[in-house]
Amino acid sequence: MAEKHYRRPEVEEITGLSRTTIYAMMSRGEFPRPVRMTRKAVAWPESAIAEWLSSREAA
């Protein structure tokens, strides 16, 4: 079964982070990078977001 992928608005809702914060954290290596879905679209794998959330809870 294929893994679910989240687009940016869904990632913002799930994580509670703003677009600016997500991209700033990505540039610092503190947030997972999205994968390219099409030439113009990117999305984050559900597993990457879940792993990031679980690491935040432990911190």
C-alpha atoms as a PDB file:
ATOM      1  CA  MET A   1       0.000   0.000   0.000  1.00  0.00           C
ATOM      2  CA  ALA A   2       1.339   3.440  -0.896  1.00  0.00           C
ATOM      3  CA  GLU A   3       2.298   5.835   1.856  1.00  0.00           C
ATOM      4  CA  LYS A   4       0.164   8.923   2.368  1.00  0.00           C
ATOM      5  CA  HIS A   5       1.744  12.291   1.594  1.00  0.00           C
ATOM      6  CA  TYR A   6       0.760  15.662   3.050  1.00  0.00           C
ATOM      7  CA  ARG A   7       0.814  18.966   1.191  1.00  0.00           C
ATOM      8  CA  ARG A   8       1.976  22.096   3.034  1.00  0.00           C
ATOM      9  CA  PRO A   9      -1.428  23.260   4.367  1.00  0.00           C
ATOM     10  CA  GLU A  10      -1.964  19.826   5.934  1.00  0.00           C
ATOM     11  CA  VAL A  11       1.547  19.855   7.414  1.00  0.00           C
ATOM     12  CA  GLU A  12       0.859  23.277   8.930  1.00  0.00           C
ATOM     13  CA  GLU A  13      -2.365  21.981  10.489  1.00  0.00           C
ATOM     14  CA  ILE A  14      -0.793  18.760  11.808  1.00  0.00           C
ATOM     15  CA  THR A  15       2.325  20.395  13.257  1.00  0.00           C
ATOM     16  CA  GLY A  16       0.884  23.753  14.287  1.00  0.00           C
ATOM     17  CA  LEU A  17       3.782  25.478  12.502  1.00  0.00           C
ATOM     18  CA  SER A  18       3.510  28.328  10.029  1.00  0.00           C
ATOM     19  CA  ARG A  19       4.865  28.164   6.487  1.00  0.00           C
ATOM     20  CA  THR A  20       7.727  30.477   7.425  1.00  0.00           C
ATOM     21  CA  THR A  21       8.685  28.362  10.427  1.00  0.00           C
ATOM     22  CA  ILE A  22       8.557  25.121   8.436  1.00  0.00           C
ATOM     23  CA  TYR A  23      10.908  26.459   5.760  1.00  0.00           C
ATOM     24  CA  ALA A  24      13.229  28.097   8.307  1.00  0.00           C
ATOM     25  CA  MET A  25      13.476  24.812  10.222  1.00  0.00           C
ATOM     26  CA  MET A  26      14.105  22.917   6.983  1.00  0.00           C
ATOM     27  CA  SER A  27      17.004  25.233   6.155  1.00  0.00           C
ATOM     28  CA  ARG A  28      18.509  24.513   9.601  1.00  0.00           C
ATOM     29  CA  GLY A  29      17.983  20.759   9.191  1.00  0.00           C
ATOM     30  CA  GLU A  30      15.393  20.647  11.977  1.00  0.00           C
ATOM     31  CA  PHE A  31      12.402  19.609   9.861  1.00  0.00           C
ATOM     32  CA  PRO A  32      12.089  16.929   7.155  1.00  0.00           C
ATOM     33  CA  ARG A  33      12.303  18.014   3.541  1.00  0.00           C
ATOM     34  CA  PRO A  34       9.418  17.255   1.188  1.00  0.00           C
ATOM     35  CA  VAL A  35       9.613  14.927  -1.783  1.00  0.00           C
ATOM     36  CA  ARG A  36       8.757  15.999  -5.313  1.00  0.00           C
ATOM     37  CA  MET A  37       5.394  14.640  -6.482  1.00  0.00           C
ATOM     38  CA  THR A  38       5.218  16.409  -9.857  1.00  0.00           C
ATOM     39  CA  ARG A  39       7.264  19.111 -11.556  1.00  0.00           C
ATOM     40  CA  LYS A  40       5.551  21.776  -9.445  1.00  0.00           C
ATOM     41  CA  ALA A  41       4.225  19.924  -6.402  1.00  0.00           C
ATOM     42  CA  VAL A  42       5.965  18.661  -3.289  1.00  0.00           C
ATOM     43  CA  ALA A  43       4.605  16.784  -0.277  1.00  0.00           C
ATOM     44  CA  TRP A  44       5.862  15.322   2.971  1.00  0.00           C
ATOM     45  CA  PRO A  45       5.605  11.561   3.592  1.00  0.00           C
ATOM     46  CA  GLU A  46       3.351  10.711   6.507  1.00  0.00           C
ATOM     47  CA  SER A  47       6.159   8.682   8.111  1.00  0.00           C
ATOM     48  CA  ALA A  48       8.549  11.669   8.067  1.00  0.00           C
ATOM     49  CA  ILE A  49       5.996  13.910   9.786  1.00  0.00           C
ATOM     50  CA  ALA A  50       5.112  11.217  12.338  1.00  0.00           C
ATOM     51  CA  GLU A  51       8.797  10.657  13.123  1.00  0.00           C
ATOM     52  CA  TRP A  52       9.387  14.398  13.528  1.00  0.00           C
ATOM     53  CA  LEU A  53       6.350  14.727  15.824  1.00  0.00           C
ATOM     54  CA  SER A  54       7.483  11.809  18.006  1.00  0.00           C
ATOM     55  CA  SER A  55      10.978  13.282  18.302  1.00  0.00           C
ATOM     56  CA  ARG A  56       9.489  16.621  19.403  1.00  0.00           C
ATOM     57  CA  GLU A  57       7.411  14.971  22.117  1.00  0.00           C
ATOM     58  CA  ALA A  58      10.542  13.314  23.529  1.00  0.00           C
ATOM     59  CA  ALA A  59      12.459  16.592  23.600  1.00  0.00           C
END
